[in-house]
Amino acid sequence: MAHELEKLLEAAKRIVPSNEQREEHRRSFAYGNTAIENDLITREMIDAEAERLDREKHERSDRPA
């Protein structure tokens, strides 16, 4: 059993998540941590804020220097 687990762990180390997977994980992490402190937080609120921040990031990068 331990050998099979070691093989799985080694395989997992080589996995590179896609940008979409990283964003999904980031939002899940944000939801989990904020919902602990405030049970009024929803996943929809996290998604809306993440999308707003992404829009602002792109607007700033589109501006001339």
N, C-alpha and C. Protein backbone atom coordinates (compact mmCIF):
# COMPACT_ATOMS: atom_id res chain seq x y z
N MET A 1 0.82 -1.20 0.00
CA MET A 1 0.00 0.00 0.00
C MET A 1 0.87 1.27 0.00
N ALA A 2 1.91 1.29 0.83
CA ALA A 2 2.76 2.46 0.91
C ALA A 2 3.45 2.74 -0.43
N HIS A 3 3.84 1.70 -1.14
CA HIS A 3 4.49 1.88 -2.44
C HIS A 3 3.52 2.51 -3.44
N GLU A 4 2.27 2.07 -3.45
CA GLU A 4 1.28 2.64 -4.36
C GLU A 4 1.03 4.11 -4.03
N LEU A 5 0.98 4.43 -2.75
CA LEU A 5 0.79 5.81 -2.34
C LEU A 5 1.97 6.67 -2.78
N GLU A 6 3.18 6.18 -2.62
CA GLU A 6 4.36 6.91 -3.06
C GLU A 6 4.32 7.17 -4.57
N LYS A 7 3.89 6.18 -5.34
CA LYS A 7 3.78 6.36 -6.79
C LYS A 7 2.77 7.45 -7.14
N LEU A 8 1.65 7.44 -6.45
CA LEU A 8 0.62 8.46 -6.69
C LEU A 8 1.13 9.85 -6.31
N LEU A 9 1.82 9.95 -5.19
CA LEU A 9 2.36 11.24 -4.77
C LEU A 9 3.38 11.76 -5.77
N GLU A 10 4.24 10.90 -6.27
CA GLU A 10 5.23 11.32 -7.26
C GLU A 10 4.55 11.77 -8.55
N ALA A 11 3.52 11.06 -8.96
CA ALA A 11 2.79 11.44 -10.16
C ALA A 11 2.11 12.81 -9.96
N ALA A 12 1.56 13.03 -8.78
CA ALA A 12 0.87 14.28 -8.49
C ALA A 12 1.83 15.47 -8.53
N LYS A 13 3.07 15.25 -8.15
CA LYS A 13 4.07 16.34 -8.16
C LYS A 13 4.34 16.85 -9.56
N ARG A 14 4.12 16.02 -10.57
CA ARG A 14 4.41 16.42 -11.95
C ARG A 14 3.23 17.08 -12.65
N ILE A 15 2.09 17.14 -12.00
CA ILE A 15 0.90 17.74 -12.62
C ILE A 15 1.00 19.26 -12.54
N VAL A 16 0.80 19.89 -13.66
CA VAL A 16 0.79 21.36 -13.71
C VAL A 16 -0.65 21.78 -13.98
N PRO A 17 -1.27 22.46 -13.02
CA PRO A 17 -2.67 22.86 -13.21
C PRO A 17 -2.81 23.94 -14.29
N SER A 18 -3.95 23.91 -14.96
CA SER A 18 -4.23 24.94 -15.96
C SER A 18 -4.57 26.25 -15.24
N ASN A 19 -4.57 27.34 -15.99
CA ASN A 19 -4.96 28.63 -15.40
C ASN A 19 -6.38 28.57 -14.84
N GLU A 20 -7.26 27.87 -15.53
CA GLU A 20 -8.64 27.75 -15.07
C GLU A 20 -8.71 26.98 -13.75
N GLN A 21 -7.92 25.91 -13.65
CA GLN A 21 -7.90 25.13 -12.40
C GLN A 21 -7.33 25.96 -11.25
N ARG A 22 -6.29 26.74 -11.53
CA ARG A 22 -5.70 27.59 -10.50
C ARG A 22 -6.70 28.64 -10.03
N GLU A 23 -7.44 29.24 -10.96
CA GLU A 23 -8.43 30.25 -10.60
C GLU A 23 -9.56 29.62 -9.78
N GLU A 24 -10.01 28.45 -10.18
CA GLU A 24 -11.05 27.75 -9.43
C GLU A 24 -10.57 27.46 -8.00
N HIS A 25 -9.34 27.04 -7.86
CA HIS A 25 -8.79 26.75 -6.55
C HIS A 25 -8.66 28.03 -5.72
N ARG A 26 -8.21 29.10 -6.35
CA ARG A 26 -8.06 30.39 -5.66
C ARG A 26 -9.40 30.87 -5.11
N ARG A 27 -10.43 30.76 -5.93
CA ARG A 27 -11.75 31.19 -5.48
C ARG A 27 -12.29 30.29 -4.37
N SER A 28 -12.06 29.01 -4.48
CA SER A 28 -12.50 28.08 -3.46
C SER A 28 -11.80 28.38 -2.13
N PHE A 29 -10.50 28.66 -2.21
CA PHE A 29 -9.73 29.01 -1.02
C PHE A 29 -10.28 30.29 -0.39
N ALA A 30 -10.53 31.30 -1.22
CA ALA A 30 -11.06 32.57 -0.72
C ALA A 30 -12.41 32.37 -0.06
N TYR A 31 -13.27 31.59 -0.69
CA TYR A 31 -14.59 31.32 -0.11
C TYR A 31 -14.46 30.60 1.23
N GLY A 32 -13.67 29.55 1.25
CA GLY A 32 -13.53 28.78 2.48
C GLY A 32 -13.01 29.60 3.64
N ASN A 33 -12.05 30.47 3.37
CA ASN A 33 -11.48 31.27 4.44
C ASN A 33 -12.38 32.42 4.88
N THR A 34 -13.09 33.03 3.96
CA THR A 34 -13.96 34.15 4.35
C THR A 34 -15.26 33.65 4.97
N ALA A 35 -15.77 32.53 4.50
CA ALA A 35 -17.03 32.01 5.03
C ALA A 35 -16.88 31.56 6.49
N ILE A 36 -15.67 31.19 6.88
CA ILE A 36 -15.44 30.82 8.29
C ILE A 36 -15.72 32.01 9.19
N GLU A 37 -15.29 33.19 8.75
CA GLU A 37 -15.44 34.40 9.55
C GLU A 37 -16.81 35.05 9.38
N ASN A 38 -17.45 34.84 8.23
CA ASN A 38 -18.71 35.53 7.95
C ASN A 38 -19.60 34.59 7.15
N ASP A 39 -20.62 34.06 7.81
CA ASP A 39 -21.48 33.08 7.13
C ASP A 39 -22.43 33.73 6.12
N LEU A 40 -22.36 35.04 5.95
CA LEU A 40 -23.16 35.71 4.92
C LEU A 40 -22.46 35.69 3.56
N ILE A 41 -21.17 35.33 3.53
CA ILE A 41 -20.41 35.26 2.29
C ILE A 41 -20.92 34.08 1.46
N THR A 42 -21.10 34.32 0.17
CA THR A 42 -21.54 33.25 -0.74
C THR A 42 -20.49 33.05 -1.83
N ARG A 43 -20.57 31.92 -2.49
CA ARG A 43 -19.67 31.66 -3.62
C ARG A 43 -19.92 32.68 -4.73
N GLU A 44 -21.18 33.08 -4.89
CA GLU A 44 -21.50 34.07 -5.92
C GLU A 44 -20.80 35.40 -5.64
N MET A 45 -20.71 35.77 -4.36
CA MET A 45 -20.02 37.00 -4.00
C MET A 45 -18.53 36.90 -4.33
N ILE A 46 -17.94 35.76 -4.06
CA ILE A 46 -16.53 35.54 -4.36
C ILE A 46 -16.31 35.62 -5.87
N ASP A 47 -17.19 34.97 -6.64
CA ASP A 47 -17.06 35.00 -8.10
C ASP A 47 -17.20 36.42 -8.64
N ALA A 48 -18.18 37.16 -8.13
CA ALA A 48 -18.40 38.53 -8.61
C ALA A 48 -17.18 39.40 -8.31
N GLU A 49 -16.63 39.27 -7.12
CA GLU A 49 -15.45 40.08 -6.76
C GLU A 49 -14.23 39.68 -7.58
N ALA A 50 -14.04 38.40 -7.79
CA ALA A 50 -12.90 37.92 -8.60
C ALA A 50 -13.02 38.46 -10.03
N GLU A 51 -14.22 38.45 -10.58
CA GLU A 51 -14.41 38.96 -11.94
C GLU A 51 -14.19 40.47 -12.01
N ARG A 52 -14.63 41.19 -10.98
CA ARG A 52 -14.41 42.64 -10.93
C ARG A 52 -12.92 42.94 -10.88
N LEU A 53 -12.19 42.22 -10.02
CA LEU A 53 -10.75 42.43 -9.91
C LEU A 53 -10.04 42.11 -11.22
N ASP A 54 -10.49 41.07 -11.91
CA ASP A 54 -9.89 40.71 -13.20
C ASP A 54 -10.13 41.80 -14.23
N ARG A 55 -11.35 42.34 -14.26
CA ARG A 55 -11.64 43.44 -15.19
C ARG A 55 -10.75 44.64 -14.92
N GLU A 56 -10.61 44.99 -13.63
CA GLU A 56 -9.77 46.13 -13.28
C GLU A 56 -8.32 45.89 -13.67
N LYS A 57 -7.85 44.68 -13.48
CA LYS A 57 -6.48 44.34 -13.85
C LYS A 57 -6.26 44.54 -15.34
N HIS A 58 -7.22 44.07 -16.14
CA HIS A 58 -7.10 44.21 -17.59
C HIS A 58 -7.23 45.67 -18.04
N GLU A 59 -8.07 46.43 -17.37
CA GLU A 59 -8.20 47.85 -17.72
C GLU A 59 -6.90 48.59 -17.44
N ARG A 60 -6.25 48.26 -16.32
CA ARG A 60 -4.97 48.92 -15.99
C ARG A 60 -3.90 48.53 -17.00
N SER A 61 -3.90 47.28 -17.43
CA SER A 61 -2.85 46.84 -18.36
C SER A 61 -3.09 47.38 -19.77
N ASP A 62 -4.32 47.80 -20.07
CA ASP A 62 -4.62 48.35 -21.39
C ASP A 62 -4.29 49.84 -21.50
N ARG A 63 -4.08 50.49 -20.36
CA ARG A 63 -3.77 51.92 -20.37
C ARG A 63 -2.34 52.16 -20.86
N PRO A 64 -2.15 53.25 -21.61
CA PRO A 64 -0.79 53.59 -22.04
C PRO A 64 0.05 54.02 -20.83
N ALA A 65 1.32 53.73 -20.87
CA ALA A 65 2.21 54.07 -19.75
C ALA A 65 2.63 55.51 -19.77
